[in-house]
């Protein structure tokens, strides 16, 4: 898997000397650089002006410097027991709450 960085480029205004005022110049995007990832990326977050962090499907957290295109840090969280809720578990909890709530209303109680 690859994380691709695109660069926006604008046409020079000298070529568009006859264009009307108020018209927009739309940028063209081209590939600036790529960063290889060992697994599919599931989350991306900017940490600052030049630092980007991403999390892979295998719980590998990577921080890269987008100016120098170098990896600053890579942490593997796959061996740690992290607290998270899966969608199927959270839905069953909501269903249990709704059942208890409707039973409580029948008996004159809330929850």
PDB file of N, CA and C in Angstrom:
ATOM      1  N   UNK A   1       0.843  -1.178   0.000  1.00  0.00           N
ATOM      2  CA  UNK A   1       0.000   0.000   0.000  1.00  0.00           C
ATOM      3  C   UNK A   1       0.885   1.236   0.000  1.00  0.00           C
ATOM      4  N   UNK A   2       0.382   2.280  -0.584  1.00  0.00           N
ATOM      5  CA  UNK A   2       1.148   3.521  -0.669  1.00  0.00           C
ATOM      6  C   UNK A   2       0.305   4.701  -0.233  1.00  0.00           C
ATOM      7  N   UNK A   3       0.950   5.623   0.457  1.00  0.00           N
ATOM      8  CA  UNK A   3       0.356   6.905   0.801  1.00  0.00           C
ATOM      9  C   UNK A   3       0.939   7.903  -0.197  1.00  0.00           C
ATOM     10  N   UNK A   4       0.074   8.498  -1.012  1.00  0.00           N
ATOM     11  CA  UNK A   4       0.549   9.391  -2.062  1.00  0.00           C
ATOM     12  C   UNK A   4       0.341  10.844  -1.672  1.00  0.00           C
ATOM     13  N   UNK A   5       1.350  11.657  -1.939  1.00  0.00           N
ATOM     14  CA  UNK A   5       1.274  13.090  -1.715  1.00  0.00           C
ATOM     15  C   UNK A   5       1.169  13.778  -3.063  1.00  0.00           C
ATOM     16  N   UNK A   6       0.153  14.618  -3.204  1.00  0.00           N
ATOM     17  CA  UNK A   6      -0.073  15.332  -4.450  1.00  0.00           C
ATOM     18  C   UNK A   6       0.372  16.774  -4.314  1.00  0.00           C
ATOM     19  N   UNK A   7       0.774  17.361  -5.421  1.00  0.00           N
ATOM     20  CA  UNK A   7       1.161  18.768  -5.445  1.00  0.00           C
ATOM     21  C   UNK A   7       0.249  19.493  -6.413  1.00  0.00           C
ATOM     22  N   UNK A   8      -0.260  20.627  -5.974  1.00  0.00           N
ATOM     23  CA  UNK A   8      -1.110  21.448  -6.838  1.00  0.00           C
ATOM     24  C   UNK A   8      -0.230  22.387  -7.643  1.00  0.00           C
ATOM     25  N   UNK A   9      -0.515  22.492  -8.929  1.00  0.00           N
ATOM     26  CA  UNK A   9       0.205  23.447  -9.768  1.00  0.00           C
ATOM     27  C   UNK A   9      -0.812  24.265 -10.552  1.00  0.00           C
ATOM     28  N   UNK A  10      -0.525  25.555 -10.679  1.00  0.00           N
ATOM     29  CA  UNK A  10      -1.403  26.475 -11.388  1.00  0.00           C
ATOM     30  C   UNK A  10      -0.742  26.896 -12.685  1.00  0.00           C
ATOM     31  N   UNK A  11      -1.549  27.136 -13.688  1.00  0.00           N
ATOM     32  CA  UNK A  11      -1.015  27.655 -14.940  1.00  0.00           C
ATOM     33  C   UNK A  11      -0.512  29.064 -14.701  1.00  0.00           C
ATOM     34  N   UNK A  12       0.500  29.460 -15.465  1.00  0.00           N
ATOM     35  CA  UNK A  12       1.000  30.827 -15.294  1.00  0.00           C
ATOM     36  C   UNK A  12      -0.034  31.804 -15.833  1.00  0.00           C
ATOM     37  N   UNK A  13      -0.142  32.963 -15.209  1.00  0.00           N
ATOM     38  CA  UNK A  13      -1.143  33.947 -15.613  1.00  0.00           C
ATOM     39  C   UNK A  13      -0.772  34.627 -16.920  1.00  0.00           C
ATOM     40  N   UNK A  14       0.476  34.509 -17.364  1.00  0.00           N
ATOM     41  CA  UNK A  14       0.888  35.105 -18.635  1.00  0.00           C
ATOM     42  C   UNK A  14       0.174  34.432 -19.800  1.00  0.00           C
ATOM     43  N   UNK A  15      -0.069  33.142 -19.693  1.00  0.00           N
ATOM     44  CA  UNK A  15      -0.769  32.419 -20.759  1.00  0.00           C
ATOM     45  C   UNK A  15      -2.233  32.806 -20.825  1.00  0.00           C
ATOM     46  N   UNK A  16      -2.805  33.256 -19.713  1.00  0.00           N
ATOM     47  CA  UNK A  16      -4.217  33.592 -19.642  1.00  0.00           C
ATOM     48  C   UNK A  16      -4.437  35.108 -19.623  1.00  0.00           C
ATOM     49  N   UNK A  17      -3.628  35.863 -20.368  1.00  0.00           N
ATOM     50  CA  UNK A  17      -3.712  37.319 -20.343  1.00  0.00           C
ATOM     51  C   UNK A  17      -5.073  37.800 -20.842  1.00  0.00           C
ATOM     52  N   UNK A  18      -5.712  37.060 -21.738  1.00  0.00           N
ATOM     53  CA  UNK A  18      -6.993  37.479 -22.281  1.00  0.00           C
ATOM     54  C   UNK A  18      -8.175  36.988 -21.478  1.00  0.00           C
ATOM     55  N   UNK A  19      -7.925  36.333 -20.326  1.00  0.00           N
ATOM     56  CA  UNK A  19      -9.048  35.796 -19.549  1.00  0.00           C
ATOM     57  C   UNK A  19      -9.791  36.925 -18.845  1.00  0.00           C
ATOM     58  N   UNK A  20     -11.039  36.671 -18.524  1.00  0.00           N
ATOM     59  CA  UNK A  20     -11.889  37.677 -17.878  1.00  0.00           C
ATOM     60  C   UNK A  20     -11.538  37.804 -16.404  1.00  0.00           C
ATOM     61  N   UNK A  21     -11.803  39.012 -15.861  1.00  0.00           N
ATOM     62  CA  UNK A  21     -11.594  39.215 -14.425  1.00  0.00           C
ATOM     63  C   UNK A  21     -12.626  38.402 -13.663  1.00  0.00           C
ATOM     64  N   UNK A  22     -12.214  37.886 -12.528  1.00  0.00           N
ATOM     65  CA  UNK A  22     -13.127  37.104 -11.703  1.00  0.00           C
ATOM     66  C   UNK A  22     -13.182  35.634 -12.086  1.00  0.00           C
ATOM     67  N   UNK A  23     -12.469  35.238 -13.128  1.00  0.00           N
ATOM     68  CA  UNK A  23     -12.469  33.819 -13.489  1.00  0.00           C
ATOM     69  C   UNK A  23     -11.495  33.082 -12.573  1.00  0.00           C
ATOM     70  N   UNK A  24     -11.770  31.835 -12.338  1.00  0.00           N
ATOM     71  CA  UNK A  24     -10.957  31.028 -11.435  1.00  0.00           C
ATOM     72  C   UNK A  24      -9.950  30.224 -12.230  1.00  0.00           C
ATOM     73  N   UNK A  25      -8.790  30.066 -11.633  1.00  0.00           N
ATOM     74  CA  UNK A  25      -7.790  29.176 -12.200  1.00  0.00           C
ATOM     75  C   UNK A  25      -7.802  27.904 -11.368  1.00  0.00           C
ATOM     76  N   UNK A  26      -8.189  26.812 -11.963  1.00  0.00           N
ATOM     77  CA  UNK A  26      -8.269  25.545 -11.246  1.00  0.00           C
ATOM     78  C   UNK A  26      -6.907  24.868 -11.287  1.00  0.00           C
ATOM     79  N   UNK A  27      -6.455  24.368 -10.158  1.00  0.00           N
ATOM     80  CA  UNK A  27      -5.125  23.731 -10.137  1.00  0.00           C
ATOM     81  C   UNK A  27      -5.168  22.347 -10.779  1.00  0.00           C
ATOM     82  N   UNK A  28      -4.014  21.941 -11.228  1.00  0.00           N
ATOM     83  CA  UNK A  28      -3.820  20.568 -11.698  1.00  0.00           C
ATOM     84  C   UNK A  28      -3.034  19.848 -10.601  1.00  0.00           C
ATOM     85  N   UNK A  29      -3.387  18.618 -10.324  1.00  0.00           N
ATOM     86  CA  UNK A  29      -2.714  17.867  -9.270  1.00  0.00           C
ATOM     87  C   UNK A  29      -1.848  16.788  -9.898  1.00  0.00           C
ATOM     88  N   UNK A  30      -0.633  16.700  -9.409  1.00  0.00           N
ATOM     89  CA  UNK A  30       0.293  15.675  -9.868  1.00  0.00           C
ATOM     90  C   UNK A  30       0.962  15.014  -8.680  1.00  0.00           C
ATOM     91  N   UNK A  31       1.476  13.842  -8.895  1.00  0.00           N
ATOM     92  CA  UNK A  31       2.122  13.076  -7.832  1.00  0.00           C
ATOM     93  C   UNK A  31       3.421  13.759  -7.414  1.00  0.00           C
ATOM     94  N   UNK A  32       3.518  14.072  -6.138  1.00  0.00           N
ATOM     95  CA  UNK A  32       4.732  14.700  -5.600  1.00  0.00           C
ATOM     96  C   UNK A  32       5.684  13.634  -5.070  1.00  0.00           C
ATOM     97  N   UNK A  33       5.152  12.738  -4.245  1.00  0.00           N
ATOM     98  CA  UNK A  33       5.973  11.683  -3.659  1.00  0.00           C
ATOM     99  C   UNK A  33       5.072  10.597  -3.097  1.00  0.00           C
ATOM    100  N   UNK A  34       5.651   9.448  -2.797  1.00  0.00           N
ATOM    101  CA  UNK A  34       4.905   8.327  -2.231  1.00  0.00           C
ATOM    102  C   UNK A  34       5.626   7.813  -0.995  1.00  0.00           C
ATOM    103  N   UNK A  35       4.860   7.251  -0.097  1.00  0.00           N
ATOM    104  CA  UNK A  35       5.420   6.642   1.104  1.00  0.00           C
ATOM    105  C   UNK A  35       4.816   5.249   1.216  1.00  0.00           C
ATOM    106  N   UNK A  36       5.664   4.230   1.305  1.00  0.00           N
ATOM    107  CA  UNK A  36       5.182   2.850   1.371  1.00  0.00           C
ATOM    108  C   UNK A  36       4.657   2.519   2.762  1.00  0.00           C
ATOM    109  N   UNK A  37       3.558   1.770   2.783  1.00  0.00           N
ATOM    110  CA  UNK A  37       2.966   1.305   4.029  1.00  0.00           C
ATOM    111  C   UNK A  37       2.847  -0.217   3.951  1.00  0.00           C
ATOM    112  N   UNK A  38       3.166  -0.926   5.041  1.00  0.00           N
ATOM    113  CA  UNK A  38       3.115  -2.380   5.000  1.00  0.00           C
ATOM    114  C   UNK A  38       1.697  -2.954   4.983  1.00  0.00           C
ATOM    115  N   UNK A  39       0.693  -2.141   5.320  1.00  0.00           N
ATOM    116  CA  UNK A  39      -0.695  -2.609   5.387  1.00  0.00           C
ATOM    117  C   UNK A  39      -1.612  -1.457   4.977  1.00  0.00           C
ATOM    118  N   UNK A  40      -2.874  -1.742   4.696  1.00  0.00           N
ATOM    119  CA  UNK A  40      -3.818  -0.658   4.353  1.00  0.00           C
ATOM    120  C   UNK A  40      -3.919   0.376   5.479  1.00  0.00           C
ATOM    121  N   UNK A  41      -4.009   1.643   5.081  1.00  0.00           N
ATOM    122  CA  UNK A  41      -4.084   2.749   6.038  1.00  0.00           C
ATOM    123  C   UNK A  41      -5.545   2.988   6.390  1.00  0.00           C
ATOM    124  N   UNK A  42      -5.834   3.068   7.686  1.00  0.00           N
ATOM    125  CA  UNK A  42      -7.216   3.248   8.138  1.00  0.00           C
ATOM    126  C   UNK A  42      -7.471   4.624   8.747  1.00  0.00           C
ATOM    127  N   UNK A  43      -6.404   5.380   9.103  1.00  0.00           N
ATOM    128  CA  UNK A  43      -6.590   6.713   9.678  1.00  0.00           C
ATOM    129  C   UNK A  43      -5.374   7.574   9.363  1.00  0.00           C
ATOM    130  N   UNK A  44      -5.629   8.866   9.107  1.00  0.00           N
ATOM    131  CA  UNK A  44      -4.563   9.832   8.814  1.00  0.00           C
ATOM    132  C   UNK A  44      -4.863  11.108   9.593  1.00  0.00           C
ATOM    133  N   UNK A  45      -3.828  11.711  10.177  1.00  0.00           N
ATOM    134  CA  UNK A  45      -4.023  12.941  10.947  1.00  0.00           C
ATOM    135  C   UNK A  45      -2.767  13.808  10.841  1.00  0.00           C
ATOM    136  N   UNK A  46      -2.968  15.099  10.576  1.00  0.00           N
ATOM    137  CA  UNK A  46      -1.865  16.053  10.592  1.00  0.00           C
ATOM    138  C   UNK A  46      -1.519  16.361  12.046  1.00  0.00           C
ATOM    139  N   UNK A  47      -0.221  16.300  12.394  1.00  0.00           N
ATOM    140  CA  UNK A  47       0.238  16.633  13.743  1.00  0.00           C
ATOM    141  C   UNK A  47       0.780  18.052  13.805  1.00  0.00           C
ATOM    142  N   UNK A  48       1.095  18.610  12.692  1.00  0.00           N
ATOM    143  CA  UNK A  48       1.641  19.960  12.601  1.00  0.00           C
ATOM    144  C   UNK A  48       1.717  20.347  11.131  1.00  0.00           C
ATOM    145  N   UNK A  49       2.490  21.397  10.847  1.00  0.00           N
ATOM    146  CA  UNK A  49       2.594  21.870   9.466  1.00  0.00           C
ATOM    147  C   UNK A  49       3.305  20.877   8.561  1.00  0.00           C
ATOM    148  N   UNK A  50       4.190  20.088   9.120  1.00  0.00           N
ATOM    149  CA  UNK A  50       4.967  19.179   8.280  1.00  0.00           C
ATOM    150  C   UNK A  50       4.970  17.731   8.748  1.00  0.00           C
ATOM    151  N   UNK A  51       4.255  17.428   9.812  1.00  0.00           N
ATOM    152  CA  UNK A  51       4.229  16.057  10.346  1.00  0.00           C
ATOM    153  C   UNK A  51       2.861  15.434  10.141  1.00  0.00           C
ATOM    154  N   UNK A  52       2.861  14.232   9.615  1.00  0.00           N
ATOM    155  CA  UNK A  52       1.635  13.498   9.353  1.00  0.00           C
ATOM    156  C   UNK A  52       1.731  12.136  10.019  1.00  0.00           C
ATOM    157  N   UNK A  53       0.658  11.719  10.681  1.00  0.00           N
ATOM    158  CA  UNK A  53       0.622  10.403  11.329  1.00  0.00           C
ATOM    159  C   UNK A  53      -0.449   9.566  10.663  1.00  0.00           C
ATOM    160  N   UNK A  54      -0.172   8.280  10.531  1.00  0.00           N
ATOM    161  CA  UNK A  54      -1.193   7.379  10.015  1.00  0.00           C
ATOM    162  C   UNK A  54      -1.156   6.058  10.768  1.00  0.00           C
ATOM    163  N   UNK A  55      -2.308   5.408  10.787  1.00  0.00           N
ATOM    164  CA  UNK A  55      -2.486   4.129  11.464  1.00  0.00           C
ATOM    165  C   UNK A  55      -2.881   3.098  10.424  1.00  0.00           C
ATOM    166  N   UNK A  56      -2.249   1.938  10.482  1.00  0.00           N
ATOM    167  CA  UNK A  56      -2.555   0.885   9.517  1.00  0.00           C
ATOM    168  C   UNK A  56      -3.530  -0.121  10.118  1.00  0.00           C
ATOM    169  N   UNK A  57      -4.016  -0.976   9.279  1.00  0.00           N
ATOM    170  CA  UNK A  57      -4.957  -2.014   9.676  1.00  0.00           C
ATOM    171  C   UNK A  57      -4.345  -2.982  10.695  1.00  0.00           C
ATOM    172  N   UNK A  58      -3.014  -3.093  10.676  1.00  0.00           N
ATOM    173  CA  UNK A  58      -2.322  -3.994  11.609  1.00  0.00           C
ATOM    174  C   UNK A  58      -1.879  -3.274  12.878  1.00  0.00           C
ATOM    175  N   UNK A  59      -2.499  -2.122  13.196  1.00  0.00           N
ATOM    176  CA  UNK A  59      -2.210  -1.325  14.391  1.00  0.00           C
ATOM    177  C   UNK A  59      -0.779  -0.819  14.445  1.00  0.00           C
ATOM    178  N   UNK A  60      -0.246  -0.423  13.299  1.00  0.00           N
ATOM    179  CA  UNK A  60       1.078   0.181  13.247  1.00  0.00           C
ATOM    180  C   UNK A  60       0.903   1.684  13.062  1.00  0.00           C
ATOM    181  N   UNK A  61       1.451   2.467  13.982  1.00  0.00           N
ATOM    182  CA  UNK A  61       1.323   3.923  13.993  1.00  0.00           C
ATOM    183  C   UNK A  61       2.628   4.514  13.479  1.00  0.00           C
ATOM    184  N   UNK A  62       2.548   5.354  12.442  1.00  0.00           N
ATOM    185  CA  UNK A  62       3.739   5.912  11.811  1.00  0.00           C
ATOM    186  C   UNK A  62       3.621   7.427  11.719  1.00  0.00           C
ATOM    187  N   UNK A  63       4.717   8.119  12.034  1.00  0.00           N
ATOM    188  CA  UNK A  63       4.788   9.573  11.893  1.00  0.00           C
ATOM    189  C   UNK A  63       5.849   9.873  10.845  1.00  0.00           C
ATOM    190  N   UNK A  64       5.478  10.712   9.858  1.00  0.00           N
ATOM    191  CA  UNK A  64       6.426  11.063   8.805  1.00  0.00           C
ATOM    192  C   UNK A  64       6.550  12.576   8.685  1.00  0.00           C
ATOM    193  N   UNK A  65       7.731  13.003   8.249  1.00  0.00           N
ATOM    194  CA  UNK A  65       7.994  14.407   7.946  1.00  0.00           C
ATOM    195  C   UNK A  65       7.697  14.577   6.462  1.00  0.00           C
ATOM    196  N   UNK A  66       6.698  15.382   6.137  1.00  0.00           N
ATOM    197  CA  UNK A  66       6.254  15.501   4.747  1.00  0.00           C
ATOM    198  C   UNK A  66       7.142  16.419   3.917  1.00  0.00           C
ATOM    199  N   UNK A  67       8.018  17.194   4.547  1.00  0.00           N
ATOM    200  CA  UNK A  67       8.934  18.054   3.793  1.00  0.00           C
ATOM    201  C   UNK A  67      10.158  17.243   3.353  1.00  0.00           C
ATOM    202  N   UNK A  68      10.757  16.541   4.298  1.00  0.00           N
ATOM    203  CA  UNK A  68      11.941  15.730   3.995  1.00  0.00           C
ATOM    204  C   UNK A  68      11.577  14.324   3.508  1.00  0.00           C
ATOM    205  N   UNK A  69      10.287  13.963   3.630  1.00  0.00           N
ATOM    206  CA  UNK A  69       9.790  12.636   3.252  1.00  0.00           C
ATOM    207  C   UNK A  69      10.585  11.532   3.953  1.00  0.00           C
ATOM    208  N   UNK A  70      10.711  11.680   5.266  1.00  0.00           N
ATOM    209  CA  UNK A  70      11.384  10.682   6.081  1.00  0.00           C
ATOM    210  C   UNK A  70      10.462  10.223   7.196  1.00  0.00           C
ATOM    211  N   UNK A  71      10.646   8.989   7.596  1.00  0.00           N
ATOM    212  CA  UNK A  71       9.873   8.446   8.703  1.00  0.00           C
ATOM    213  C   UNK A  71      10.512   8.917  10.005  1.00  0.00           C
ATOM    214  N   UNK A  72       9.721   9.535  10.867  1.00  0.00           N
ATOM    215  CA  UNK A  72      10.225  10.007  12.149  1.00  0.00           C
ATOM    216  C   UNK A  72      10.074   8.957  13.234  1.00  0.00           C
ATOM    217  N   UNK A  73       8.960   8.224  13.199  1.00  0.00           N
ATOM    218  CA  UNK A  73       8.676   7.245  14.253  1.00  0.00           C
ATOM    219  C   UNK A  73       7.738   6.180  13.715  1.00  0.00           C
ATOM    220  N   UNK A  74       7.949   4.945  14.142  1.00  0.00           N
ATOM    221  CA  UNK A  74       7.023   3.863  13.818  1.00  0.00           C
ATOM    222  C   UNK A  74       6.833   3.021  15.066  1.00  0.00           C
ATOM    223  N   UNK A  75       5.589   2.925  15.503  1.00  0.00           N
ATOM    224  CA  UNK A  75       5.255   2.153  16.695  1.00  0.00           C
ATOM    225  C   UNK A  75       4.270   1.069  16.323  1.00  0.00           C
ATOM    226  N   UNK A  76       4.504  -0.125  16.830  1.00  0.00           N
ATOM    227  CA  UNK A  76       3.619  -1.242  16.553  1.00  0.00           C
ATOM    228  C   UNK A  76       2.792  -1.531  17.798  1.00  0.00           C
ATOM    229  N   UNK A  77       1.484  -1.298  17.702  1.00  0.00           N
ATOM    230  CA  UNK A  77       0.577  -1.507  18.820  1.00  0.00           C
ATOM    231  C   UNK A  77      -0.156  -2.844  18.735  1.00  0.00           C
ATOM    232  N   UNK A  78       0.217  -3.709  17.826  1.00  0.00           N
ATOM    233  CA  UNK A  78      -0.539  -4.950  17.638  1.00  0.00           C
ATOM    234  C   UNK A  78      -0.423  -5.891  18.836  1.00  0.00           C
ATOM    235  N   UNK A  79       0.664  -5.816  19.600  1.00  0.00           N
ATOM    236  CA  UNK A  79       0.821  -6.691  20.760  1.00  0.00           C
ATOM    237  C   UNK A  79       0.194  -6.146  22.029  1.00  0.00           C
ATOM    238  N   UNK A  80      -0.241  -4.897  22.003  1.00  0.00           N
ATOM    239  CA  UNK A  80      -0.831  -4.294  23.190  1.00  0.00           C
ATOM    240  C   UNK A  80      -2.330  -4.508  23.210  1.00  0.00           C
ATOM    241  N   UNK A  81      -2.862  -4.610  24.411  1.00  0.00           N
ATOM    242  CA  UNK A  81      -4.310  -4.733  24.555  1.00  0.00           C
ATOM    243  C   UNK A  81      -4.888  -3.334  24.663  1.00  0.00           C
ATOM    244  N   UNK A  82      -5.454  -2.859  23.572  1.00  0.00           N
ATOM    245  CA  UNK A  82      -6.049  -1.532  23.534  1.00  0.00           C
ATOM    246  C   UNK A  82      -7.542  -1.649  23.783  1.00  0.00           C
ATOM    247  N   UNK A  83      -8.117  -0.625  24.387  1.00  0.00           N
ATOM    248  CA  UNK A  83      -9.551  -0.622  24.648  1.00  0.00           C
ATOM    249  C   UNK A  83     -10.257   0.003  23.458  1.00  0.00           C
ATOM    250  N   UNK A  84     -11.168  -0.741  22.877  1.00  0.00           N
ATOM    251  CA  UNK A  84     -11.984  -0.233  21.779  1.00  0.00           C
ATOM    252  C   UNK A  84     -13.242  -1.068  21.707  1.00  0.00           C
ATOM    253  N   UNK A  85     -14.225  -0.522  21.072  1.00  0.00           N
ATOM    254  CA  UNK A  85     -15.498  -1.235  20.940  1.00  0.00           C
ATOM    255  C   UNK A  85     -15.727  -1.561  19.476  1.00  0.00           C
ATOM    256  N   UNK A  86     -16.006  -2.799  19.212  1.00  0.00           N
ATOM    257  CA  UNK A  86     -16.354  -3.181  17.850  1.00  0.00           C
ATOM    258  C   UNK A  86     -17.807  -2.820  17.604  1.00  0.00           C
ATOM    259  N   UNK A  87     -18.143  -2.617  16.350  1.00  0.00           N
ATOM    260  CA  UNK A  87     -19.491  -2.196  16.007  1.00  0.00           C
ATOM    261  C   UNK A  87     -20.527  -3.227  16.458  1.00  0.00           C
ATOM    262  N   UNK A  88     -20.243  -4.500  16.276  1.00  0.00           N
ATOM    263  CA  UNK A  88     -21.216  -5.527  16.650  1.00  0.00           C
ATOM    264  C   UNK A  88     -21.449  -5.538  18.160  1.00  0.00           C
ATOM    265  N   UNK A  89     -20.406  -5.319  18.949  1.00  0.00           N
ATOM    266  CA  UNK A  89     -20.563  -5.287  20.400  1.00  0.00           C
ATOM    267  C   UNK A  89     -21.328  -4.051  20.841  1.00  0.00           C
ATOM    268  N   UNK A  90     -21.038  -2.922  20.216  1.00  0.00           N
ATOM    269  CA  UNK A  90     -21.727  -1.697  20.621  1.00  0.00           C
ATOM    270  C   UNK A  90     -23.209  -1.768  20.256  1.00  0.00           C
ATOM    271  N   UNK A  91     -23.556  -2.387  19.142  1.00  0.00           N
ATOM    272  CA  UNK A  91     -24.962  -2.515  18.756  1.00  0.00           C
ATOM    273  C   UNK A  91     -25.700  -3.427  19.732  1.00  0.00           C
ATOM    274  N   UNK A  92     -25.075  -4.504  20.190  1.00  0.00           N
ATOM    275  CA  UNK A  92     -25.754  -5.395  21.134  1.00  0.00           C
ATOM    276  C   UNK A  92     -25.975  -4.680  22.466  1.00  0.00           C
ATOM    277  N   UNK A  93     -25.041  -3.825  22.879  1.00  0.00           N
ATOM    278  CA  UNK A  93     -25.219  -3.060  24.115  1.00  0.00           C
ATOM    279  C   UNK A  93     -26.368  -2.076  23.989  1.00  0.00           C
ATOM    280  N   UNK A  94     -26.479  -1.434  22.845  1.00  0.00           N
ATOM    281  CA  UNK A  94     -27.571  -0.484  22.616  1.00  0.00           C
ATOM    282  C   UNK A  94     -28.903  -1.223  22.635  1.00  0.00           C
ATOM    283  N   UNK A  95     -28.958  -2.383  22.002  1.00  0.00           N
ATOM    284  CA  UNK A  95     -30.200  -3.166  21.984  1.00  0.00           C
ATOM    285  C   UNK A  95     -30.601  -3.592  23.392  1.00  0.00           C
ATOM    286  N   UNK A  96     -29.641  -4.017  24.221  1.00  0.00           N
ATOM    287  CA  UNK A  96     -29.938  -4.392  25.594  1.00  0.00           C
ATOM    288  C   UNK A  96     -30.480  -3.197  26.379  1.00  0.00           C
ATOM    289  N   UNK A  97     -29.875  -2.012  26.177  1.00  0.00           N
ATOM    290  CA  UNK A  97     -30.338  -0.813  26.856  1.00  0.00           C
ATOM    291  C   UNK A  97     -31.766  -0.479  26.443  1.00  0.00           C
ATOM    292  N   UNK A  98     -32.053  -0.584  25.137  1.00  0.00           N
ATOM    293  CA  UNK A  98     -33.407  -0.268  24.664  1.00  0.00           C
ATOM    294  C   UNK A  98     -34.433  -1.235  25.246  1.00  0.00           C
ATOM    295  N   UNK A  99     -34.083  -2.511  25.358  1.00  0.00           N
ATOM    296  CA  UNK A  99     -34.998  -3.507  25.924  1.00  0.00           C
ATOM    297  C   UNK A  99     -35.248  -3.198  27.398  1.00  0.00           C
ATOM    298  N   UNK A 100     -34.176  -2.918  28.154  1.00  0.00           N
ATOM    299  CA  UNK A 100     -34.332  -2.598  29.574  1.00  0.00           C
ATOM    300  C   UNK A 100     -35.131  -1.315  29.752  1.00  0.00           C
ATOM    301  N   UNK A 101     -34.899  -0.349  28.884  1.00  0.00           N
ATOM    302  CA  UNK A 101     -35.590   0.935  28.983  1.00  0.00           C
ATOM    303  C   UNK A 101     -37.086   0.764  28.724  1.00  0.00           C
ATOM    304  N   UNK A 102     -37.460  -0.033  27.729  1.00  0.00           N
ATOM    305  CA  UNK A 102     -38.888  -0.238  27.454  1.00  0.00           C
ATOM    306  C   UNK A 102     -39.548  -1.054  28.564  1.00  0.00           C
ATOM    307  N   UNK A 103     -38.822  -2.032  29.149  1.00  0.00           N
ATOM    308  CA  UNK A 103     -39.367  -2.805  30.264  1.00  0.00           C
ATOM    309  C   UNK A 103     -39.547  -1.916  31.491  1.00  0.00           C
ATOM    310  N   UNK A 104     -38.600  -0.988  31.715  1.00  0.00           N
ATOM    311  CA  UNK A 104     -38.684  -0.084  32.856  1.00  0.00           C
ATOM    312  C   UNK A 104     -39.853   0.868  32.738  1.00  0.00           C
ATOM    313  N   UNK A 105     -40.140   1.320  31.530  1.00  0.00           N
ATOM    314  CA  UNK A 105     -41.272   2.224  31.327  1.00  0.00           C
ATOM    315  C   UNK A 105     -42.591   1.506  31.590  1.00  0.00           C
ATOM    316  N   UNK A 106     -42.655   0.210  31.258  1.00  0.00           N
ATOM    317  CA  UNK A 106     -43.872  -0.557  31.515  1.00  0.00           C
ATOM    318  C   UNK A 106     -44.112  -0.697  33.022  1.00  0.00           C
ATOM    319  N   UNK A 107     -43.015  -0.820  33.798  1.00  0.00           N
ATOM    320  CA  UNK A 107     -43.108  -0.990  35.248  1.00  0.00           C
ATOM    321  C   UNK A 107     -43.109   0.336  35.995  1.00  0.00           C
ATOM    322  N   UNK A 108     -43.088   1.443  35.281  1.00  0.00           N
ATOM    323  CA  UNK A 108     -43.078   2.751  35.925  1.00  0.00           C
ATOM    324  C   UNK A 108     -41.711   3.226  36.332  1.00  0.00           C
ATOM    325  N   UNK A 109     -40.617   2.574  35.839  1.00  0.00           N
ATOM    326  CA  UNK A 109     -39.255   2.985  36.169  1.00  0.00           C
ATOM    327  C   UNK A 109     -38.560   3.490  34.903  1.00  0.00           C
ATOM    328  N   UNK A 110     -37.550   4.267  35.125  1.00  0.00           N
ATOM    329  CA  UNK A 110     -36.692   4.671  34.003  1.00  0.00           C
ATOM    330  C   UNK A 110     -35.417   3.870  34.081  1.00  0.00           C
ATOM    331  N   UNK A 111     -35.027   3.290  32.992  1.00  0.00           N
ATOM    332  CA  UNK A 111     -33.823   2.452  32.894  1.00  0.00           C
ATOM    333  C   UNK A 111     -33.953   1.368  33.910  1.00  0.00           C
TER     334      UNK A 111
END
